[in-house]
C-alpha atoms as a PDB file:
ATOM      1  CA  UNK A   1       0.000   0.000   0.000  1.00  0.00           C
ATOM      2  CA  UNK A   2       2.840   2.362   0.861  1.00  0.00           C
ATOM      3  CA  UNK A   3       4.984   1.403  -2.116  1.00  0.00           C
ATOM      4  CA  UNK A   4       5.035   3.308  -5.383  1.00  0.00           C
ATOM      5  CA  UNK A   5       2.327   2.381  -7.884  1.00  0.00           C
ATOM      6  CA  UNK A   6       4.895   2.513 -10.684  1.00  0.00           C
ATOM      7  CA  UNK A   7       8.238   4.088 -11.537  1.00  0.00           C
ATOM      8  CA  UNK A   8       7.493   7.793 -11.955  1.00  0.00           C
ATOM      9  CA  UNK A   9      10.969   8.440 -13.381  1.00  0.00           C
ATOM     10  CA  UNK A  10      10.116   6.576 -16.545  1.00  0.00           C
ATOM     11  CA  UNK A  11       7.672   7.784 -19.149  1.00  0.00           C
ATOM     12  CA  UNK A  12       4.063   7.770 -17.928  1.00  0.00           C
ATOM     13  CA  UNK A  13       1.006   6.730 -19.857  1.00  0.00           C
ATOM     14  CA  UNK A  14      -2.049   8.964 -19.977  1.00  0.00           C
ATOM     15  CA  UNK A  15      -3.923   6.559 -17.707  1.00  0.00           C
ATOM     16  CA  UNK A  16      -1.174   6.608 -15.075  1.00  0.00           C
ATOM     17  CA  UNK A  17      -1.005  10.396 -15.136  1.00  0.00           C
ATOM     18  CA  UNK A  18      -4.784  10.698 -14.753  1.00  0.00           C
ATOM     19  CA  UNK A  19      -4.694   8.230 -11.850  1.00  0.00           C
ATOM     20  CA  UNK A  20      -2.118  10.337 -10.001  1.00  0.00           C
ATOM     21  CA  UNK A  21      -4.107  13.527 -10.690  1.00  0.00           C
ATOM     22  CA  UNK A  22      -7.241  11.877  -9.303  1.00  0.00           C
ATOM     23  CA  UNK A  23      -5.403  10.734  -6.166  1.00  0.00           C
ATOM     24  CA  UNK A  24      -4.006  14.234  -5.594  1.00  0.00           C
ATOM     25  CA  UNK A  25      -7.436  15.792  -6.095  1.00  0.00           C
ATOM     26  CA  UNK A  26      -9.011  13.404  -3.572  1.00  0.00           C
ATOM     27  CA  UNK A  27      -6.319  14.283  -1.020  1.00  0.00           C
ATOM     28  CA  UNK A  28      -6.954  17.978  -1.655  1.00  0.00           C
ATOM     29  CA  UNK A  29     -10.685  17.429  -1.224  1.00  0.00           C
ATOM     30  CA  UNK A  30     -10.131  15.852   2.199  1.00  0.00           C
ATOM     31  CA  UNK A  31      -7.911  18.767   3.208  1.00  0.00           C
ATOM     32  CA  UNK A  32     -10.489  21.281   1.974  1.00  0.00           C
ATOM     33  CA  UNK A  33     -13.286  19.603   3.973  1.00  0.00           C
ATOM     34  CA  UNK A  34     -11.025  19.644   7.040  1.00  0.00           C
ATOM     35  CA  UNK A  35     -10.486  23.383   6.580  1.00  0.00           C
ATOM     36  CA  UNK A  36     -14.250  23.964   6.561  1.00  0.00           C
ATOM     37  CA  UNK A  37     -14.764  21.756   9.633  1.00  0.00           C
ATOM     38  CA  UNK A  38     -12.065  23.409  11.743  1.00  0.00           C
ATOM     39  CA  UNK A  39     -12.878  27.102  11.311  1.00  0.00           C
ATOM     40  CA  UNK A  40     -13.891  29.826   8.932  1.00  0.00           C
ATOM     41  CA  UNK A  41     -12.876  29.187   5.348  1.00  0.00           C
ATOM     42  CA  UNK A  42     -13.485  31.276   2.265  1.00  0.00           C
ATOM     43  CA  UNK A  43     -14.658  29.713  -0.979  1.00  0.00           C
ATOM     44  CA  UNK A  44     -11.444  30.616  -2.808  1.00  0.00           C
ATOM     45  CA  UNK A  45      -9.269  29.070  -0.077  1.00  0.00           C
ATOM     46  CA  UNK A  46     -11.334  25.854  -0.072  1.00  0.00           C
ATOM     47  CA  UNK A  47     -10.997  25.541  -3.853  1.00  0.00           C
ATOM     48  CA  UNK A  48      -7.278  26.321  -3.712  1.00  0.00           C
ATOM     49  CA  UNK A  49      -6.705  23.497  -1.222  1.00  0.00           C
ATOM     50  CA  UNK A  50      -8.281  21.049  -3.681  1.00  0.00           C
ATOM     51  CA  UNK A  51      -6.184  22.290  -6.597  1.00  0.00           C
ATOM     52  CA  UNK A  52      -2.851  22.731  -4.782  1.00  0.00           C
ATOM     53  CA  UNK A  53      -1.950  19.002  -4.439  1.00  0.00           C
ATOM     54  CA  UNK A  54      -2.729  18.496  -8.129  1.00  0.00           C
ATOM     55  CA  UNK A  55      -0.475  21.389  -9.126  1.00  0.00           C
ATOM     56  CA  UNK A  56       2.395  20.217  -6.904  1.00  0.00           C
ATOM     57  CA  UNK A  57       1.982  16.671  -8.202  1.00  0.00           C
ATOM     58  CA  UNK A  58       2.164  17.866 -11.825  1.00  0.00           C
ATOM     59  CA  UNK A  59       5.283  19.920 -11.055  1.00  0.00           C
ATOM     60  CA  UNK A  60       6.990  16.900  -9.456  1.00  0.00           C
ATOM     61  CA  UNK A  61       6.184  14.779 -12.494  1.00  0.00           C
ATOM     62  CA  UNK A  62       7.588  17.446 -14.819  1.00  0.00           C
ATOM     63  CA  UNK A  63      10.823  17.722 -12.820  1.00  0.00           C
ATOM     64  CA  UNK A  64      11.202  13.932 -13.240  1.00  0.00           C
ATOM     65  CA  UNK A  65      14.667  13.686 -11.660  1.00  0.00           C
ATOM     66  CA  UNK A  66      16.121  16.637 -13.619  1.00  0.00           C
ATOM     67  CA  UNK A  67      18.309  18.654 -11.233  1.00  0.00           C
ATOM     68  CA  UNK A  68      18.274  21.827 -13.326  1.00  0.00           C
ATOM     69  CA  UNK A  69      14.504  21.802 -13.650  1.00  0.00           C
ATOM     70  CA  UNK A  70      14.170  21.203  -9.914  1.00  0.00           C
ATOM     71  CA  UNK A  71      16.286  24.276  -9.087  1.00  0.00           C
ATOM     72  CA  UNK A  72      14.199  26.396 -11.490  1.00  0.00           C
ATOM     73  CA  UNK A  73      10.954  25.195  -9.903  1.00  0.00           C
ATOM     74  CA  UNK A  74      12.298  25.966  -6.419  1.00  0.00           C
ATOM     75  CA  UNK A  75      13.058  29.535  -7.532  1.00  0.00           C
ATOM     76  CA  UNK A  76       9.557  29.913  -8.969  1.00  0.00           C
ATOM     77  CA  UNK A  77       7.976  28.780  -5.702  1.00  0.00           C
ATOM     78  CA  UNK A  78      10.080  31.287  -3.751  1.00  0.00           C
ATOM     79  CA  UNK A  79       8.727  34.114  -5.940  1.00  0.00           C
ATOM     80  CA  UNK A  80       5.130  33.001  -5.314  1.00  0.00           C
ATOM     81  CA  UNK A  81       5.780  33.154  -1.556  1.00  0.00           C
ATOM     82  CA  UNK A  82       6.399  36.905  -1.655  1.00  0.00           C
ATOM     83  CA  UNK A  83       3.187  37.548  -3.613  1.00  0.00           C
ATOM     84  CA  UNK A  84       0.944  35.758  -1.090  1.00  0.00           C
ATOM     85  CA  UNK A  85      -0.871  37.269   1.883  1.00  0.00           C
ATOM     86  CA  UNK A  86       0.357  35.985   5.285  1.00  0.00           C
ATOM     87  CA  UNK A  87      -2.190  33.617   6.801  1.00  0.00           C
ATOM     88  CA  UNK A  88      -2.972  32.127  10.179  1.00  0.00           C
ATOM     89  CA  UNK A  89      -1.119  29.114  11.548  1.00  0.00           C
ATOM     90  CA  UNK A  90      -4.062  26.870  10.632  1.00  0.00           C
ATOM     91  CA  UNK A  91      -4.036  28.032   7.011  1.00  0.00           C
ATOM     92  CA  UNK A  92      -0.272  27.591   6.694  1.00  0.00           C
ATOM     93  CA  UNK A  93      -0.545  24.081   8.170  1.00  0.00           C
ATOM     94  CA  UNK A  94      -3.231  23.124   5.646  1.00  0.00           C
ATOM     95  CA  UNK A  95      -1.186  24.531   2.764  1.00  0.00           C
ATOM     96  CA  UNK A  96       1.873  22.534   3.831  1.00  0.00           C
ATOM     97  CA  UNK A  97      -0.288  19.411   4.129  1.00  0.00           C
ATOM     98  CA  UNK A  98      -1.628  19.972   0.615  1.00  0.00           C
ATOM     99  CA  UNK A  99       1.915  20.332  -0.717  1.00  0.00           C
ATOM    100  CA  UNK A 100       3.019  17.150   1.100  1.00  0.00           C
ATOM    101  CA  UNK A 101       0.094  15.236  -0.408  1.00  0.00           C
ATOM    102  CA  UNK A 102       0.968  16.559  -3.857  1.00  0.00           C
ATOM    103  CA  UNK A 103       4.623  15.586  -3.383  1.00  0.00           C
ATOM    104  CA  UNK A 104       3.704  12.045  -2.303  1.00  0.00           C
ATOM    105  CA  UNK A 105       1.301  11.471  -5.189  1.00  0.00           C
ATOM    106  CA  UNK A 106       3.734  13.074  -7.648  1.00  0.00           C
ATOM    107  CA  UNK A 107       6.262  10.377  -6.758  1.00  0.00           C
ATOM    108  CA  UNK A 108       3.528   7.718  -7.288  1.00  0.00           C
ATOM    109  CA  UNK A 109       3.215   6.990  -3.549  1.00  0.00           C
ATOM    110  CA  UNK A 110      -0.561   7.385  -3.663  1.00  0.00           C
ATOM    111  CA  UNK A 111      -1.224   5.129  -0.668  1.00  0.00           C
ATOM    112  CA  UNK A 112       1.289   7.022   1.442  1.00  0.00           C
ATOM    113  CA  UNK A 113      -0.273  10.333   0.368  1.00  0.00           C
ATOM    114  CA  UNK A 114      -3.745   9.140   1.341  1.00  0.00           C
ATOM    115  CA  UNK A 115      -2.465   7.869   4.698  1.00  0.00           C
ATOM    116  CA  UNK A 116      -0.710  11.155   5.529  1.00  0.00           C
ATOM    117  CA  UNK A 117      -3.741  13.206   4.527  1.00  0.00           C
ATOM    118  CA  UNK A 118      -6.222  11.038   6.407  1.00  0.00           C
ATOM    119  CA  UNK A 119      -4.186  10.910   9.637  1.00  0.00           C
ATOM    120  CA  UNK A 120      -3.386  14.635   9.759  1.00  0.00           C
ATOM    121  CA  UNK A 121      -6.947  15.683   8.814  1.00  0.00           C
ATOM    122  CA  UNK A 122      -8.432  13.372  11.457  1.00  0.00           C
ATOM    123  CA  UNK A 123      -5.986  14.766  14.029  1.00  0.00           C
ATOM    124  CA  UNK A 124      -6.873  18.378  13.183  1.00  0.00           C
ATOM    125  CA  UNK A 125     -10.618  17.712  13.390  1.00  0.00           C
ATOM    126  CA  UNK A 126     -10.210  15.840  16.694  1.00  0.00           C
ATOM    127  CA  UNK A 127      -8.155  18.613  18.288  1.00  0.00           C
ATOM    128  CA  UNK A 128     -10.629  21.236  17.079  1.00  0.00           C
ATOM    129  CA  UNK A 129     -13.696  19.346  18.338  1.00  0.00           C
ATOM    130  CA  UNK A 130     -12.170  18.685  21.765  1.00  0.00           C
ATOM    131  CA  UNK A 131     -11.263  22.357  22.219  1.00  0.00           C
ATOM    132  CA  UNK A 132      -7.558  21.679  22.598  1.00  0.00           C
ATOM    133  CA  UNK A 133      -5.554  24.839  23.305  1.00  0.00           C
ATOM    134  CA  UNK A 134      -8.596  27.060  23.895  1.00  0.00           C
ATOM    135  CA  UNK A 135      -8.273  29.721  26.558  1.00  0.00           C
ATOM    136  CA  UNK A 136     -10.985  31.354  28.589  1.00  0.00           C
ATOM    137  CA  UNK A 137     -12.855  33.994  26.651  1.00  0.00           C
ATOM    138  CA  UNK A 138     -11.166  37.327  27.218  1.00  0.00           C
ATOM    139  CA  UNK A 139     -12.806  40.717  26.777  1.00  0.00           C
ATOM    140  CA  UNK A 140     -11.438  44.235  26.548  1.00  0.00           C
ATOM    141  CA  UNK A 141     -12.915  46.650  29.096  1.00  0.00           C
ATOM    142  CA  UNK A 142     -12.485  50.418  28.747  1.00  0.00           C
ATOM    143  CA  UNK A 143     -13.515  52.625  31.662  1.00  0.00           C
ATOM    144  CA  UNK A 144     -13.533  56.432  31.738  1.00  0.00           C
ATOM    145  CA  UNK A 145     -12.864  58.159  35.086  1.00  0.00           C
ATOM    146  CA  UNK A 146     -12.724  61.753  36.236  1.00  0.00           C
ATOM    147  CA  UNK A 147      -9.203  63.032  36.760  1.00  0.00           C
ATOM    148  CA  UNK A 148      -9.748  63.704  40.480  1.00  0.00           C
ATOM    149  CA  UNK A 149     -10.574  60.033  41.172  1.00  0.00           C
ATOM    150  CA  UNK A 150      -7.662  57.766  42.090  1.00  0.00           C
ATOM    151  CA  UNK A 151      -7.968  54.811  39.744  1.00  0.00           C
ATOM    152  CA  UNK A 152      -5.517  52.616  41.697  1.00  0.00           C
ATOM    153  CA  UNK A 153      -7.564  49.710  43.039  1.00  0.00           C
ATOM    154  CA  UNK A 154     -10.856  51.555  42.611  1.00  0.00           C
ATOM    155  CA  UNK A 155     -12.537  48.529  40.948  1.00  0.00           C
ATOM    156  CA  UNK A 156     -10.760  45.700  42.761  1.00  0.00           C
ATOM    157  CA  UNK A 157     -13.801  44.589  44.765  1.00  0.00           C
ATOM    158  CA  UNK A 158     -15.967  44.513  41.615  1.00  0.00           C
ATOM    159  CA  UNK A 159     -13.350  42.578  39.690  1.00  0.00           C
ATOM    160  CA  UNK A 160     -13.080  40.042  42.516  1.00  0.00           C
ATOM    161  CA  UNK A 161     -16.853  39.592  42.513  1.00  0.00           C
ATOM    162  CA  UNK A 162     -17.516  39.366  38.768  1.00  0.00           C
ATOM    163  CA  UNK A 163     -14.275  38.297  37.059  1.00  0.00           C
ATOM    164  CA  UNK A 164     -11.971  35.319  37.332  1.00  0.00           C
ATOM    165  CA  UNK A 165      -9.104  37.229  35.747  1.00  0.00           C
ATOM    166  CA  UNK A 166      -8.377  40.909  35.199  1.00  0.00           C
ATOM    167  CA  UNK A 167      -5.303  42.794  34.034  1.00  0.00           C
ATOM    168  CA  UNK A 168      -4.750  46.529  33.684  1.00  0.00           C
ATOM    169  CA  UNK A 169      -3.283  46.888  30.194  1.00  0.00           C
ATOM    170  CA  UNK A 170      -2.907  50.650  29.977  1.00  0.00           C
ATOM    171  CA  UNK A 171      -3.976  54.127  31.089  1.00  0.00           C
ATOM    172  CA  UNK A 172      -4.323  57.270  29.000  1.00  0.00           C
ATOM    173  CA  UNK A 173      -5.813  60.749  29.388  1.00  0.00           C
ATOM    174  CA  UNK A 174      -8.768  61.923  27.307  1.00  0.00           C
ATOM    175  CA  UNK A 175     -10.912  65.028  26.859  1.00  0.00           C
ATOM    176  CA  UNK A 176      -8.004  67.492  27.025  1.00  0.00           C
ATOM    177  CA  UNK A 177      -6.535  65.700  30.047  1.00  0.00           C
ATOM    178  CA  UNK A 178      -9.660  66.077  32.197  1.00  0.00           C
ATOM    179  CA  UNK A 179     -10.365  62.329  32.287  1.00  0.00           C
ATOM    180  CA  UNK A 180      -8.564  59.005  32.434  1.00  0.00           C
ATOM    181  CA  UNK A 181      -9.327  56.005  30.251  1.00  0.00           C
ATOM    182  CA  UNK A 182      -8.372  52.640  31.762  1.00  0.00           C
ATOM    183  CA  UNK A 183      -8.048  49.584  29.557  1.00  0.00           C
ATOM    184  CA  UNK A 184      -8.410  46.129  31.125  1.00  0.00           C
ATOM    185  CA  UNK A 185      -8.408  42.558  29.879  1.00  0.00           C
ATOM    186  CA  UNK A 186     -11.043  40.628  31.843  1.00  0.00           C
ATOM    187  CA  UNK A 187     -12.595  37.155  31.971  1.00  0.00           C
ATOM    188  CA  UNK A 188     -16.103  37.106  33.451  1.00  0.00           C
ATOM    189  CA  UNK A 189     -16.996  34.368  35.922  1.00  0.00           C
ATOM    190  CA  UNK A 190     -20.588  34.262  34.652  1.00  0.00           C
ATOM    191  CA  UNK A 191     -21.254  35.809  31.217  1.00  0.00           C
ATOM    192  CA  UNK A 192     -24.957  36.127  32.103  1.00  0.00           C
ATOM    193  CA  UNK A 193     -24.054  38.757  34.708  1.00  0.00           C
ATOM    194  CA  UNK A 194     -22.412  41.048  32.161  1.00  0.00           C
ATOM    195  CA  UNK A 195     -25.079  43.789  32.490  1.00  0.00           C
ATOM    196  CA  UNK A 196     -24.951  43.588  36.281  1.00  0.00           C
ATOM    197  CA  UNK A 197     -21.177  44.008  36.130  1.00  0.00           C
ATOM    198  CA  UNK A 198     -21.442  47.048  33.844  1.00  0.00           C
ATOM    199  CA  UNK A 199     -24.124  48.628  36.055  1.00  0.00           C
ATOM    200  CA  UNK A 200     -21.834  48.267  39.076  1.00  0.00           C
ATOM    201  CA  UNK A 201     -19.000  49.901  37.151  1.00  0.00           C
ATOM    202  CA  UNK A 202     -21.257  52.786  36.079  1.00  0.00           C
ATOM    203  CA  UNK A 203     -22.129  53.513  39.702  1.00  0.00           C
ATOM    204  CA  UNK A 204     -18.435  53.580  40.545  1.00  0.00           C
ATOM    205  CA  UNK A 205     -17.209  55.783  37.669  1.00  0.00           C
ATOM    206  CA  UNK A 206     -20.009  58.350  37.815  1.00  0.00           C
ATOM    207  CA  UNK A 207     -21.943  56.993  34.824  1.00  0.00           C
ATOM    208  CA  UNK A 208     -19.188  57.950  32.395  1.00  0.00           C
ATOM    209  CA  UNK A 209     -18.389  56.026  29.221  1.00  0.00           C
ATOM    210  CA  UNK A 210     -17.866  52.247  29.440  1.00  0.00           C
ATOM    211  CA  UNK A 211     -16.918  49.814  26.688  1.00  0.00           C
ATOM    212  CA  UNK A 212     -16.772  46.015  26.859  1.00  0.00           C
ATOM    213  CA  UNK A 213     -15.484  44.482  23.626  1.00  0.00           C
ATOM    214  CA  UNK A 214     -15.723  40.789  22.907  1.00  0.00           C
ATOM    215  CA  UNK A 215     -13.074  38.621  21.320  1.00  0.00           C
ATOM    216  CA  UNK A 216      -9.590  39.839  22.203  1.00  0.00           C
ATOM    217  CA  UNK A 217      -7.490  38.671  19.235  1.00  0.00           C
ATOM    218  CA  UNK A 218      -4.687  36.234  19.925  1.00  0.00           C
ATOM    219  CA  UNK A 219      -1.481  35.697  17.977  1.00  0.00           C
ATOM    220  CA  UNK A 220      -1.879  32.888  15.444  1.00  0.00           C
ATOM    221  CA  UNK A 221       1.110  33.415  13.218  1.00  0.00           C
ATOM    222  CA  UNK A 222       3.823  30.798  12.974  1.00  0.00           C
END
């Protein structure tokens, strides 16, 4: 199963070439479905994941053991890298998987390509479904205070009552220096008590501006 279907260094028949293209496309289809199951995925990215193993497989077949052609192809791929938009770690992982599947099928190791694709896709879906690596949902809290109010520890009792985690990220002056704006990262103990938490803060800061933003972005780049 893991051996080569035939010697890809010799001349290929049309049937053999079509078989390798079909195998690469099926691997790309599995990778594309995995991308849609493990997060947001645009239509163009899903289609690209299906086509990428086929393209890599065709390139490997065209190189066909020729060192000079291989160096030229490597240079072409390096130029494409600088014309692509940086993606998240998940997207880069899926792209590398698609290229590995295309490389395996291009060398006629179709069974090995299917095995790699199936194992990695199953692993990605499993880790996503089990919530591996997820952190508690953080929110960005911005509180405006009058300049005559000492902001040091002014909300500590409220944070202890309503949040499981809170960090003061920064302080800046607003409104021509007549007010302070405090920026916190917080994790609520009970999300259902969000309004109650904001009402308590409003009583403490004199009903000035409050802002609680959901979804603090994390770093996903490799």
